Amino acid sequence: MPNTNNRTVSLVTVPGPGLRTHTVNSGTTLAQFAADHSLNGRQLIVDGEAVAADQWGSVTLDEATEVFAVTSVKGN
C-alpha cells in the first residue's frame, strides 16, 4: 500500500539545475526542505508567494505543489 503521507513537490532552482521533483513527508517545513536541498541563502517562493527566511520554520509544504529557489545574479 502506498504511503499517503508523502507528496511530490516541484523545485525550480534558478540559477541552477532548473526543474526537479522531490518527495516530501507530511509536515515537512520549508526550513527542512531548504536544508535538505542546500537552498539556504536563496529567496524561496512557494506556490507564487515569497516566504521570508525567518518564517521558513513555520511554513509546511503540506499543500504546496511548487517551490522556486532564486538568487540574484550580478551583471558585468
N, C-alpha and C. Protein backbone atom coordinates (compact mmCIF):
# COMPACT_ATOMS: atom_id res chain seq x y z
N MET A 1 0.85 -1.17 0.00
CA MET A 1 0.00 0.00 0.00
C MET A 1 0.90 1.24 0.00
N PRO A 2 0.64 2.25 -0.87
CA PRO A 2 1.48 3.44 -0.91
C PRO A 2 1.32 4.27 0.35
N ASN A 3 2.38 4.99 0.70
CA ASN A 3 2.37 5.87 1.85
C ASN A 3 1.65 7.16 1.47
N THR A 4 0.48 7.40 2.05
CA THR A 4 -0.30 8.59 1.71
C THR A 4 0.19 9.82 2.44
N ASN A 5 1.22 9.68 3.28
CA ASN A 5 1.78 10.82 3.99
C ASN A 5 2.86 11.51 3.16
N ASN A 6 3.18 10.98 1.99
CA ASN A 6 4.17 11.58 1.12
C ASN A 6 3.49 12.28 -0.04
N ARG A 7 4.14 13.32 -0.54
CA ARG A 7 3.63 14.04 -1.71
C ARG A 7 4.80 14.52 -2.53
N THR A 8 4.55 14.85 -3.77
CA THR A 8 5.59 15.33 -4.67
C THR A 8 5.50 16.84 -4.79
N VAL A 9 6.66 17.49 -4.68
CA VAL A 9 6.76 18.93 -4.83
C VAL A 9 7.77 19.21 -5.93
N SER A 10 7.44 20.12 -6.83
CA SER A 10 8.38 20.54 -7.87
C SER A 10 9.27 21.64 -7.30
N LEU A 11 10.57 21.51 -7.52
CA LEU A 11 11.54 22.51 -7.11
C LEU A 11 12.19 23.07 -8.36
N VAL A 12 12.08 24.39 -8.52
CA VAL A 12 12.73 25.07 -9.64
C VAL A 12 13.83 25.94 -9.06
N THR A 13 15.07 25.65 -9.42
CA THR A 13 16.23 26.38 -8.91
C THR A 13 16.84 27.22 -10.02
N VAL A 14 16.88 28.56 -9.78
CA VAL A 14 17.41 29.49 -10.78
C VAL A 14 18.33 30.48 -10.08
N PRO A 15 19.58 30.66 -10.47
CA PRO A 15 20.25 29.79 -11.42
C PRO A 15 20.50 28.43 -10.80
N GLY A 16 20.65 27.46 -11.60
CA GLY A 16 20.87 26.10 -11.12
C GLY A 16 20.34 25.09 -12.11
N PRO A 17 20.03 23.91 -11.60
CA PRO A 17 19.64 22.81 -12.49
C PRO A 17 18.22 22.93 -13.06
N GLY A 18 17.47 23.92 -12.66
CA GLY A 18 16.11 24.06 -13.19
C GLY A 18 15.11 23.22 -12.42
N LEU A 19 14.23 22.55 -13.13
CA LEU A 19 13.12 21.80 -12.52
C LEU A 19 13.55 20.40 -12.10
N ARG A 20 13.23 20.08 -10.83
CA ARG A 20 13.39 18.73 -10.30
C ARG A 20 12.16 18.46 -9.44
N THR A 21 11.80 17.21 -9.27
CA THR A 21 10.71 16.86 -8.37
C THR A 21 11.26 16.11 -7.17
N HIS A 22 10.64 16.34 -6.02
CA HIS A 22 11.08 15.71 -4.78
C HIS A 22 9.87 15.22 -4.01
N THR A 23 10.04 14.12 -3.32
CA THR A 23 9.00 13.60 -2.44
C THR A 23 9.25 14.14 -1.04
N VAL A 24 8.20 14.68 -0.42
CA VAL A 24 8.30 15.20 0.93
C VAL A 24 7.27 14.51 1.81
N ASN A 25 7.60 14.39 3.07
CA ASN A 25 6.69 13.81 4.06
C ASN A 25 5.72 14.87 4.56
N SER A 26 4.57 14.44 5.00
CA SER A 26 3.61 15.34 5.63
C SER A 26 4.28 16.05 6.79
N GLY A 27 4.06 17.35 6.90
CA GLY A 27 4.64 18.12 8.00
C GLY A 27 6.02 18.68 7.72
N THR A 28 6.58 18.38 6.56
CA THR A 28 7.90 18.92 6.22
C THR A 28 7.82 20.43 6.15
N THR A 29 8.70 21.11 6.88
CA THR A 29 8.72 22.57 6.85
C THR A 29 9.60 23.05 5.70
N LEU A 30 9.39 24.28 5.35
CA LEU A 30 10.22 24.89 4.31
C LEU A 30 11.67 24.95 4.77
N ALA A 31 11.90 25.14 6.07
CA ALA A 31 13.26 25.16 6.60
C ALA A 31 13.94 23.81 6.41
N GLN A 32 13.24 22.72 6.67
CA GLN A 32 13.82 21.39 6.48
C GLN A 32 14.07 21.12 5.00
N PHE A 33 13.13 21.49 4.16
CA PHE A 33 13.29 21.31 2.72
C PHE A 33 14.50 22.10 2.22
N ALA A 34 14.64 23.34 2.69
CA ALA A 34 15.78 24.17 2.29
C ALA A 34 17.09 23.54 2.73
N ALA A 35 17.15 23.03 3.94
CA ALA A 35 18.37 22.38 4.43
C ALA A 35 18.67 21.11 3.65
N ASP A 36 17.65 20.32 3.38
CA ASP A 36 17.84 19.06 2.65
C ASP A 36 18.36 19.27 1.22
N HIS A 37 18.04 20.43 0.63
CA HIS A 37 18.38 20.67 -0.77
C HIS A 37 19.35 21.84 -0.96
N SER A 38 20.05 22.20 0.13
CA SER A 38 21.07 23.26 0.08
C SER A 38 20.54 24.55 -0.53
N LEU A 39 19.41 25.01 -0.02
CA LEU A 39 18.77 26.21 -0.56
C LEU A 39 18.95 27.44 0.32
N ASN A 40 19.64 27.31 1.44
CA ASN A 40 19.84 28.46 2.32
C ASN A 40 20.59 29.55 1.55
N GLY A 41 20.19 30.80 1.79
CA GLY A 41 20.78 31.93 1.09
C GLY A 41 20.01 32.32 -0.16
N ARG A 42 18.99 31.55 -0.50
CA ARG A 42 18.16 31.86 -1.66
C ARG A 42 16.81 32.40 -1.20
N GLN A 43 16.14 33.11 -2.06
CA GLN A 43 14.76 33.52 -1.83
C GLN A 43 13.88 32.34 -2.22
N LEU A 44 12.98 31.93 -1.33
CA LEU A 44 12.09 30.81 -1.64
C LEU A 44 10.67 31.33 -1.87
N ILE A 45 10.08 30.84 -2.92
CA ILE A 45 8.73 31.24 -3.32
C ILE A 45 7.90 29.96 -3.40
N VAL A 46 6.87 29.88 -2.57
CA VAL A 46 6.03 28.68 -2.50
C VAL A 46 4.69 28.99 -3.17
N ASP A 47 4.41 28.26 -4.23
CA ASP A 47 3.16 28.45 -4.98
C ASP A 47 2.88 29.92 -5.27
N GLY A 48 3.93 30.64 -5.70
CA GLY A 48 3.77 32.03 -6.11
C GLY A 48 3.90 33.07 -5.02
N GLU A 49 4.10 32.65 -3.76
CA GLU A 49 4.21 33.60 -2.67
C GLU A 49 5.58 33.51 -2.02
N ALA A 50 6.29 34.66 -1.99
CA ALA A 50 7.61 34.71 -1.36
C ALA A 50 7.45 34.48 0.14
N VAL A 51 8.37 33.71 0.71
CA VAL A 51 8.35 33.42 2.14
C VAL A 51 9.65 33.94 2.74
N ALA A 52 9.55 34.84 3.71
CA ALA A 52 10.74 35.37 4.38
C ALA A 52 11.47 34.24 5.10
N ALA A 53 12.79 34.31 5.09
CA ALA A 53 13.60 33.24 5.69
C ALA A 53 13.26 33.01 7.16
N ASP A 54 12.88 34.05 7.89
CA ASP A 54 12.55 33.86 9.30
C ASP A 54 11.21 33.16 9.51
N GLN A 55 10.47 32.90 8.43
CA GLN A 55 9.20 32.18 8.51
C GLN A 55 9.29 30.74 8.02
N TRP A 56 10.44 30.34 7.50
CA TRP A 56 10.58 29.01 6.92
C TRP A 56 10.23 27.90 7.90
N GLY A 57 10.54 28.07 9.16
CA GLY A 57 10.29 27.03 10.16
C GLY A 57 8.81 26.83 10.46
N SER A 58 7.99 27.81 10.14
CA SER A 58 6.56 27.70 10.45
C SER A 58 5.70 27.41 9.22
N VAL A 59 6.32 27.32 8.06
CA VAL A 59 5.58 27.03 6.82
C VAL A 59 5.80 25.57 6.44
N THR A 60 4.70 24.82 6.31
CA THR A 60 4.83 23.43 5.87
C THR A 60 4.52 23.34 4.38
N LEU A 61 4.98 22.26 3.79
CA LEU A 61 4.74 22.03 2.36
C LEU A 61 3.56 21.09 2.13
N ASP A 62 2.70 20.94 3.14
CA ASP A 62 1.57 20.01 3.05
C ASP A 62 0.64 20.29 1.88
N GLU A 63 0.44 21.54 1.53
CA GLU A 63 -0.45 21.90 0.43
C GLU A 63 0.32 22.41 -0.79
N ALA A 64 1.63 22.51 -0.68
CA ALA A 64 2.44 23.10 -1.75
C ALA A 64 2.58 22.17 -2.94
N THR A 65 2.67 22.77 -4.11
CA THR A 65 2.93 22.00 -5.32
C THR A 65 4.25 22.40 -5.96
N GLU A 66 4.70 23.65 -5.68
CA GLU A 66 5.90 24.15 -6.35
C GLU A 66 6.67 25.10 -5.45
N VAL A 67 8.00 24.94 -5.45
CA VAL A 67 8.90 25.85 -4.74
C VAL A 67 9.89 26.38 -5.76
N PHE A 68 9.98 27.70 -5.85
CA PHE A 68 11.02 28.34 -6.65
C PHE A 68 12.11 28.79 -5.70
N ALA A 69 13.36 28.51 -6.04
CA ALA A 69 14.51 28.93 -5.25
C ALA A 69 15.36 29.81 -6.15
N VAL A 70 15.39 31.09 -5.87
CA VAL A 70 16.09 32.03 -6.74
C VAL A 70 17.15 32.79 -5.97
N THR A 71 18.10 33.29 -6.70
CA THR A 71 19.12 34.16 -6.14
C THR A 71 19.44 35.20 -7.19
N SER A 72 19.87 36.36 -6.74
CA SER A 72 20.20 37.41 -7.70
C SER A 72 21.52 37.08 -8.38
N VAL A 73 21.62 37.49 -9.62
CA VAL A 73 22.84 37.30 -10.39
C VAL A 73 23.34 38.67 -10.82
N LYS A 74 24.58 38.98 -10.47
CA LYS A 74 25.14 40.28 -10.83
C LYS A 74 25.58 40.28 -12.28
N GLY A 75 25.28 41.37 -12.96
CA GLY A 75 25.71 41.53 -14.34
C GLY A 75 27.14 42.03 -14.42
N ASN A 76 27.67 42.09 -15.59
CA ASN A 76 29.04 42.59 -15.79
C ASN A 76 29.06 44.09 -15.89
